[in-house]
Amino acid sequence: MALTPEQIEELKEQLREQVKDLPQQQKEAALNQIASLSPQALEAMIKQQQEKSGNTNKPQKGVFRSIVDGDIKAYVIAENKDALAVLDIKPVSNAHIVIIPKKPVTEAKSLPNSCFNLSKKIAKRISKKLEAKSSEIQTEYKFGEMIINVIPIYDKSLNLLSPRTDANEKQLQELEQKLKIVKKRIKKIKIGKKAKSEGLTLKLERRIP
């Protein structure tokens, strides 16, 4: 079965993820090799991997499913019950965030409201921490799924068609530390009635005139 353009790009993205931590020279060579892979070569590679694993019917897991399942390293900024907010490794602008639904969605109208709420929360945090003037919040169909992009605007208008750059690991780690939203849990201490009464009792010495 011939691969679609979307499947080809998704497979290449998975391969790029696997080589991103190699030494720079090896990484560049690997990326060039991945870019030059033909659809036929990718199909042969998939077939070979399936034969090695002994499972030729198991569907390939997409990039976003791999991120949600923790199979691919991602810089998670925040999450709620329906979505993860992660840093885009090929951002349009500094701190470009991608909101990934925890359950795959194929239509924009099916995206949970909580995904949009998370994107607005992230946009406000970027404005506060990085002094962005505003953020473009745009849905996108990518790798067979719907996602939401939060693109910070600093000095000029940008959108999904704007040029992208490669963020290095140091930049991503610094942004993660600045933007990460950590839920604080307040530990409740129960005070018994007896303890309360003892704590509030004042014992006064009797004064003898």
C-alpha atoms as a PDB file:
ATOM      1  CA  MET A   1       0.000   0.000   0.000  1.00  0.00           C
ATOM      2  CA  ALA A   2       1.444   3.375  -1.045  1.00  0.00           C
ATOM      3  CA  LEU A   3       2.135   5.899   1.696  1.00  0.00           C
ATOM      4  CA  THR A   4       0.302   9.227   1.641  1.00  0.00           C
ATOM      5  CA  PRO A   5       2.321  12.497   1.795  1.00  0.00           C
ATOM      6  CA  GLU A   6       1.124  12.940   5.401  1.00  0.00           C
ATOM      7  CA  GLN A   7       2.330   9.457   6.376  1.00  0.00           C
ATOM      8  CA  ILE A   8       5.695  10.069   4.707  1.00  0.00           C
ATOM      9  CA  GLU A   9       6.204  13.312   6.621  1.00  0.00           C
ATOM     10  CA  GLU A  10       5.085  11.684   9.872  1.00  0.00           C
ATOM     11  CA  LEU A  11       7.567   8.823   9.455  1.00  0.00           C
ATOM     12  CA  LYS A  12      10.384  11.227   8.650  1.00  0.00           C
ATOM     13  CA  GLU A  13       9.501  13.286  11.732  1.00  0.00           C
ATOM     14  CA  GLN A  14       9.756  10.145  13.863  1.00  0.00           C
ATOM     15  CA  LEU A  15      13.177   9.408  12.378  1.00  0.00           C
ATOM     16  CA  ARG A  16      14.302  12.991  13.023  1.00  0.00           C
ATOM     17  CA  GLU A  17      13.254  12.617  16.669  1.00  0.00           C
ATOM     18  CA  GLN A  18      15.421   9.504  16.973  1.00  0.00           C
ATOM     19  CA  VAL A  19      18.603  11.268  15.807  1.00  0.00           C
ATOM     20  CA  LYS A  20      18.184  14.673  17.461  1.00  0.00           C
ATOM     21  CA  ASP A  21      20.519  13.806  20.375  1.00  0.00           C
ATOM     22  CA  LEU A  22      23.419  12.613  18.187  1.00  0.00           C
ATOM     23  CA  PRO A  23      26.646  14.657  17.951  1.00  0.00           C
ATOM     24  CA  GLN A  24      26.151  17.589  15.573  1.00  0.00           C
ATOM     25  CA  GLN A  25      28.134  16.164  12.649  1.00  0.00           C
ATOM     26  CA  GLN A  26      26.415  12.769  12.830  1.00  0.00           C
ATOM     27  CA  LYS A  27      23.046  14.447  13.314  1.00  0.00           C
ATOM     28  CA  GLU A  28      23.452  16.568  10.157  1.00  0.00           C
ATOM     29  CA  ALA A  29      24.427  13.524   8.110  1.00  0.00           C
ATOM     30  CA  ALA A  30      21.464  11.551   9.453  1.00  0.00           C
ATOM     31  CA  LEU A  31      19.023  14.412   8.773  1.00  0.00           C
ATOM     32  CA  ASN A  32      20.251  14.716   5.192  1.00  0.00           C
ATOM     33  CA  GLN A  33      19.811  10.979   4.741  1.00  0.00           C
ATOM     34  CA  ILE A  34      16.276  11.109   6.172  1.00  0.00           C
ATOM     35  CA  ALA A  35      15.351  14.021   3.893  1.00  0.00           C
ATOM     36  CA  SER A  36      16.503  12.065   0.832  1.00  0.00           C
ATOM     37  CA  LEU A  37      14.547   8.892   1.677  1.00  0.00           C
ATOM     38  CA  SER A  38      12.067   7.961  -1.045  1.00  0.00           C
ATOM     39  CA  PRO A  39       8.554   6.643  -0.276  1.00  0.00           C
ATOM     40  CA  GLN A  40       9.704   3.214  -1.478  1.00  0.00           C
ATOM     41  CA  ALA A  41      12.651   3.259   0.922  1.00  0.00           C
ATOM     42  CA  LEU A  42      10.363   4.196   3.813  1.00  0.00           C
ATOM     43  CA  GLU A  43       7.952   1.387   2.953  1.00  0.00           C
ATOM     44  CA  ALA A  44      10.842  -1.089   2.849  1.00  0.00           C
ATOM     45  CA  MET A  45      12.073   0.182   6.227  1.00  0.00           C
ATOM     46  CA  ILE A  46       8.620  -0.248   7.798  1.00  0.00           C
ATOM     47  CA  LYS A  47       8.287  -3.745   6.384  1.00  0.00           C
ATOM     48  CA  GLN A  48      11.716  -4.708   7.716  1.00  0.00           C
ATOM     49  CA  GLN A  49      10.877  -3.401  11.207  1.00  0.00           C
ATOM     50  CA  GLN A  50       7.550  -5.242  11.220  1.00  0.00           C
ATOM     51  CA  GLU A  51       9.215  -8.495  10.183  1.00  0.00           C
ATOM     52  CA  LYS A  52      11.787  -8.139  12.963  1.00  0.00           C
ATOM     53  CA  SER A  53       9.066  -7.565  15.547  1.00  0.00           C
ATOM     54  CA  GLY A  54       6.985 -10.419  14.140  1.00  0.00           C
ATOM     55  CA  ASN A  55       3.930  -8.187  13.742  1.00  0.00           C
ATOM     56  CA  THR A  56       3.025  -7.047  10.241  1.00  0.00           C
ATOM     57  CA  ASN A  57      -0.470  -5.863  11.117  1.00  0.00           C
ATOM     58  CA  LYS A  58       0.250  -3.499  14.005  1.00  0.00           C
ATOM     59  CA  PRO A  59      -0.416   0.121  12.952  1.00  0.00           C
ATOM     60  CA  GLN A  60       2.382   2.652  13.282  1.00  0.00           C
ATOM     61  CA  LYS A  61       1.951   5.002  16.238  1.00  0.00           C
ATOM     62  CA  GLY A  62       1.941   8.670  15.216  1.00  0.00           C
ATOM     63  CA  VAL A  63       4.218  11.390  16.588  1.00  0.00           C
ATOM     64  CA  PHE A  64       1.542  12.967  18.775  1.00  0.00           C
ATOM     65  CA  ARG A  65       0.396   9.617  20.196  1.00  0.00           C
ATOM     66  CA  SER A  66       4.032   8.825  21.003  1.00  0.00           C
ATOM     67  CA  ILE A  67       4.372  12.158  22.840  1.00  0.00           C
ATOM     68  CA  VAL A  68       1.157  11.633  24.821  1.00  0.00           C
ATOM     69  CA  ASP A  69       2.234   8.076  25.735  1.00  0.00           C
ATOM     70  CA  GLY A  70       5.709   9.252  26.759  1.00  0.00           C
ATOM     71  CA  ASP A  71       7.530   7.303  24.041  1.00  0.00           C
ATOM     72  CA  ILE A  72       9.070  10.489  22.614  1.00  0.00           C
ATOM     73  CA  LYS A  73      10.788  13.051  24.815  1.00  0.00           C
ATOM     74  CA  ALA A  74       8.850  16.304  24.936  1.00  0.00           C
ATOM     75  CA  TYR A  75       9.127  19.547  26.878  1.00  0.00           C
ATOM     76  CA  VAL A  76       5.767  19.613  28.654  1.00  0.00           C
ATOM     77  CA  ILE A  77       4.706  23.048  29.892  1.00  0.00           C
ATOM     78  CA  ALA A  78       1.261  22.196  31.242  1.00  0.00           C
ATOM     79  CA  GLU A  79      -1.569  19.721  30.981  1.00  0.00           C
ATOM     80  CA  ASN A  80      -5.175  19.189  31.938  1.00  0.00           C
ATOM     81  CA  LYS A  81      -7.517  16.210  31.733  1.00  0.00           C
ATOM     82  CA  ASP A  82      -7.830  16.472  27.937  1.00  0.00           C
ATOM     83  CA  ALA A  83      -4.523  17.819  26.600  1.00  0.00           C
ATOM     84  CA  LEU A  84      -0.773  18.332  26.872  1.00  0.00           C
ATOM     85  CA  ALA A  85       0.969  21.630  26.134  1.00  0.00           C
ATOM     86  CA  VAL A  86       4.484  21.045  24.752  1.00  0.00           C
ATOM     87  CA  LEU A  87       7.187  23.209  23.217  1.00  0.00           C
ATOM     88  CA  ASP A  88       7.467  22.935  19.430  1.00  0.00           C
ATOM     89  CA  ILE A  89      11.011  21.851  18.516  1.00  0.00           C
ATOM     90  CA  LYS A  90      10.698  23.644  15.151  1.00  0.00           C
ATOM     91  CA  PRO A  91       9.025  26.862  16.294  1.00  0.00           C
ATOM     92  CA  VAL A  92       7.640  29.747  14.290  1.00  0.00           C
ATOM     93  CA  SER A  93       8.652  32.040  17.167  1.00  0.00           C
ATOM     94  CA  ASN A  94      10.271  31.761  20.589  1.00  0.00           C
ATOM     95  CA  ALA A  95       8.153  29.578  22.936  1.00  0.00           C
ATOM     96  CA  HIS A  96       5.821  28.303  20.205  1.00  0.00           C
ATOM     97  CA  ILE A  97       3.562  25.830  22.033  1.00  0.00           C
ATOM     98  CA  VAL A  98       1.544  22.923  20.650  1.00  0.00           C
ATOM     99  CA  ILE A  99      -1.595  21.740  22.443  1.00  0.00           C
ATOM    100  CA  ILE A 100      -2.031  17.994  21.832  1.00  0.00           C
ATOM    101  CA  PRO A 101      -5.346  16.324  22.736  1.00  0.00           C
ATOM    102  CA  LYS A 102      -4.809  13.209  24.862  1.00  0.00           C
ATOM    103  CA  LYS A 103      -7.333  11.398  22.681  1.00  0.00           C
ATOM    104  CA  PRO A 104      -6.833  11.776  18.905  1.00  0.00           C
ATOM    105  CA  VAL A 105      -9.162  14.285  17.228  1.00  0.00           C
ATOM    106  CA  THR A 106      -9.528  14.581  13.454  1.00  0.00           C
ATOM    107  CA  GLU A 107     -11.863  17.596  13.197  1.00  0.00           C
ATOM    108  CA  ALA A 108     -11.520  21.071  14.717  1.00  0.00           C
ATOM    109  CA  LYS A 109     -15.154  21.057  15.863  1.00  0.00           C
ATOM    110  CA  SER A 110     -14.438  17.955  17.958  1.00  0.00           C
ATOM    111  CA  LEU A 111     -11.638  19.574  19.976  1.00  0.00           C
ATOM    112  CA  PRO A 112     -12.647  19.780  23.669  1.00  0.00           C
ATOM    113  CA  ASN A 113     -13.197  23.290  25.066  1.00  0.00           C
ATOM    114  CA  SER A 114     -10.586  22.495  27.702  1.00  0.00           C
ATOM    115  CA  CYS A 115      -7.960  22.383  24.927  1.00  0.00           C
ATOM    116  CA  PHE A 116      -8.757  25.980  23.983  1.00  0.00           C
ATOM    117  CA  ASN A 117      -8.858  26.990  27.653  1.00  0.00           C
ATOM    118  CA  LEU A 118      -5.370  25.542  28.086  1.00  0.00           C
ATOM    119  CA  SER A 119      -4.111  27.419  25.013  1.00  0.00           C
ATOM    120  CA  LYS A 120      -5.433  30.737  26.409  1.00  0.00           C
ATOM    121  CA  LYS A 121      -3.840  30.019  29.775  1.00  0.00           C
ATOM    122  CA  ILE A 122      -0.505  29.327  28.086  1.00  0.00           C
ATOM    123  CA  ALA A 123      -0.780  32.503  25.970  1.00  0.00           C
ATOM    124  CA  LYS A 124      -1.253  34.610  29.128  1.00  0.00           C
ATOM    125  CA  ARG A 125       1.731  32.948  30.789  1.00  0.00           C
ATOM    126  CA  ILE A 126       3.961  33.627  27.766  1.00  0.00           C
ATOM    127  CA  SER A 127       2.919  37.299  27.804  1.00  0.00           C
ATOM    128  CA  LYS A 128       3.758  37.504  31.504  1.00  0.00           C
ATOM    129  CA  LYS A 129       7.040  35.561  31.506  1.00  0.00           C
ATOM    130  CA  LEU A 130       8.479  36.496  28.091  1.00  0.00           C
ATOM    131  CA  GLU A 131       6.743  39.836  27.454  1.00  0.00           C
ATOM    132  CA  ALA A 132       5.100  38.733  24.219  1.00  0.00           C
ATOM    133  CA  LYS A 133       2.696  41.358  22.863  1.00  0.00           C
ATOM    134  CA  SER A 134       0.082  38.723  22.033  1.00  0.00           C
ATOM    135  CA  SER A 135      -0.274  35.171  20.724  1.00  0.00           C
ATOM    136  CA  GLU A 136      -1.816  33.646  17.616  1.00  0.00           C
ATOM    137  CA  ILE A 137      -3.961  30.644  18.549  1.00  0.00           C
ATOM    138  CA  GLN A 138      -4.528  28.492  15.454  1.00  0.00           C
ATOM    139  CA  THR A 139      -5.805  24.964  14.897  1.00  0.00           C
ATOM    140  CA  GLU A 140      -3.893  22.732  12.502  1.00  0.00           C
ATOM    141  CA  TYR A 141      -4.399  19.308  10.947  1.00  0.00           C
ATOM    142  CA  LYS A 142      -1.018  17.597  11.138  1.00  0.00           C
ATOM    143  CA  PHE A 143       0.076  13.953  10.992  1.00  0.00           C
ATOM    144  CA  GLY A 144      -3.564  12.855  10.822  1.00  0.00           C
ATOM    145  CA  GLU A 145      -4.671  14.763  13.943  1.00  0.00           C
ATOM    146  CA  MET A 146      -5.964  18.163  15.006  1.00  0.00           C
ATOM    147  CA  ILE A 147      -3.733  20.226  17.280  1.00  0.00           C
ATOM    148  CA  ILE A 148      -3.718  23.827  18.511  1.00  0.00           C
ATOM    149  CA  ASN A 149      -0.730  26.133  18.021  1.00  0.00           C
ATOM    150  CA  VAL A 150       0.050  29.007  20.374  1.00  0.00           C
ATOM    151  CA  ILE A 151       2.435  31.283  18.459  1.00  0.00           C
ATOM    152  CA  PRO A 152       3.823  34.187  20.524  1.00  0.00           C
ATOM    153  CA  ILE A 153       3.982  37.565  18.759  1.00  0.00           C
ATOM    154  CA  TYR A 154       6.858  39.841  19.765  1.00  0.00           C
ATOM    155  CA  ASP A 155       7.478  42.404  17.022  1.00  0.00           C
ATOM    156  CA  LYS A 156       5.705  41.294  13.825  1.00  0.00           C
ATOM    157  CA  SER A 157       2.680  39.283  12.719  1.00  0.00           C
ATOM    158  CA  LEU A 158       3.227  35.537  12.312  1.00  0.00           C
ATOM    159  CA  ASN A 159       1.186  32.476  11.389  1.00  0.00           C
ATOM    160  CA  LEU A 160       1.649  28.788  10.568  1.00  0.00           C
ATOM    161  CA  LEU A 161       3.048  29.631   7.135  1.00  0.00           C
ATOM    162  CA  SER A 162       5.850  31.757   8.600  1.00  0.00           C
ATOM    163  CA  PRO A 163       9.416  30.364   8.454  1.00  0.00           C
ATOM    164  CA  ARG A 164      10.433  27.966  11.212  1.00  0.00           C
ATOM    165  CA  THR A 165      13.726  27.510  13.044  1.00  0.00           C
ATOM    166  CA  ASP A 166      15.327  24.585  14.893  1.00  0.00           C
ATOM    167  CA  ALA A 167      15.326  25.094  18.665  1.00  0.00           C
ATOM    168  CA  ASN A 168      18.309  23.577  20.460  1.00  0.00           C
ATOM    169  CA  GLU A 169      18.047  21.576  23.665  1.00  0.00           C
ATOM    170  CA  LYS A 170      19.426  24.360  25.871  1.00  0.00           C
ATOM    171  CA  GLN A 171      16.811  26.832  24.618  1.00  0.00           C
ATOM    172  CA  LEU A 172      14.020  24.315  25.134  1.00  0.00           C
ATOM    173  CA  GLN A 173      15.163  23.484  28.668  1.00  0.00           C
ATOM    174  CA  GLU A 174      15.342  27.174  29.630  1.00  0.00           C
ATOM    175  CA  LEU A 175      11.876  27.841  28.234  1.00  0.00           C
ATOM    176  CA  GLU A 176      10.502  24.788  30.025  1.00  0.00           C
ATOM    177  CA  GLN A 177      11.835  26.087  33.355  1.00  0.00           C
ATOM    178  CA  LYS A 178      10.389  29.569  32.775  1.00  0.00           C
ATOM    179  CA  LEU A 179       6.971  28.527  31.540  1.00  0.00           C
ATOM    180  CA  LYS A 180       6.194  25.212  33.240  1.00  0.00           C
ATOM    181  CA  ILE A 181       3.011  25.322  35.280  1.00  0.00           C
ATOM    182  CA  VAL A 182       3.274  23.190  38.397  1.00  0.00           C
ATOM    183  CA  LYS A 183       0.127  22.393  40.317  1.00  0.00           C
ATOM    184  CA  LYS A 184       0.643  23.050  44.001  1.00  0.00           C
ATOM    185  CA  ARG A 185      -1.037  20.677  46.393  1.00  0.00           C
ATOM    186  CA  ILE A 186      -1.970  22.093  49.772  1.00  0.00           C
ATOM    187  CA  LYS A 187      -1.799  19.511  52.519  1.00  0.00           C
ATOM    188  CA  LYS A 188      -4.723  19.818  54.893  1.00  0.00           C
ATOM    189  CA  ILE A 189      -3.983  19.189  58.550  1.00  0.00           C
ATOM    190  CA  LYS A 190      -6.933  17.974  60.592  1.00  0.00           C
ATOM    191  CA  ILE A 191      -7.089  19.288  64.123  1.00  0.00           C
ATOM    192  CA  GLY A 192      -9.184  17.288  66.562  1.00  0.00           C
ATOM    193  CA  LYS A 193     -11.715  18.905  68.850  1.00  0.00           C
ATOM    194  CA  LYS A 194      -9.665  17.955  71.876  1.00  0.00           C
ATOM    195  CA  ALA A 195      -6.510  19.492  70.437  1.00  0.00           C
ATOM    196  CA  LYS A 196      -8.400  22.654  69.531  1.00  0.00           C
ATOM    197  CA  SER A 197      -9.822  23.086  72.998  1.00  0.00           C
ATOM    198  CA  GLU A 198      -6.460  22.407  74.627  1.00  0.00           C
ATOM    199  CA  GLY A 199      -4.760  24.852  72.305  1.00  0.00           C
ATOM    200  CA  LEU A 200      -7.203  27.627  73.196  1.00  0.00           C
ATOM    201  CA  THR A 201      -7.353  27.056  76.967  1.00  0.00           C
ATOM    202  CA  LEU A 202      -5.662  29.737  79.052  1.00  0.00           C
ATOM    203  CA  LYS A 203      -4.593  28.713  82.530  1.00  0.00           C
ATOM    204  CA  LEU A 204      -4.361  31.654  84.907  1.00  0.00           C
ATOM    205  CA  GLU A 205      -2.713  31.449  88.284  1.00  0.00           C
ATOM    206  CA  ARG A 206      -4.981  32.404  91.144  1.00  0.00           C
ATOM    207  CA  ARG A 207      -3.873  35.603  92.721  1.00  0.00           C
ATOM    208  CA  ILE A 208      -4.022  35.797  96.502  1.00  0.00           C
ATOM    209  CA  PRO A 209      -4.723  39.302  97.751  1.00  0.00           C
END
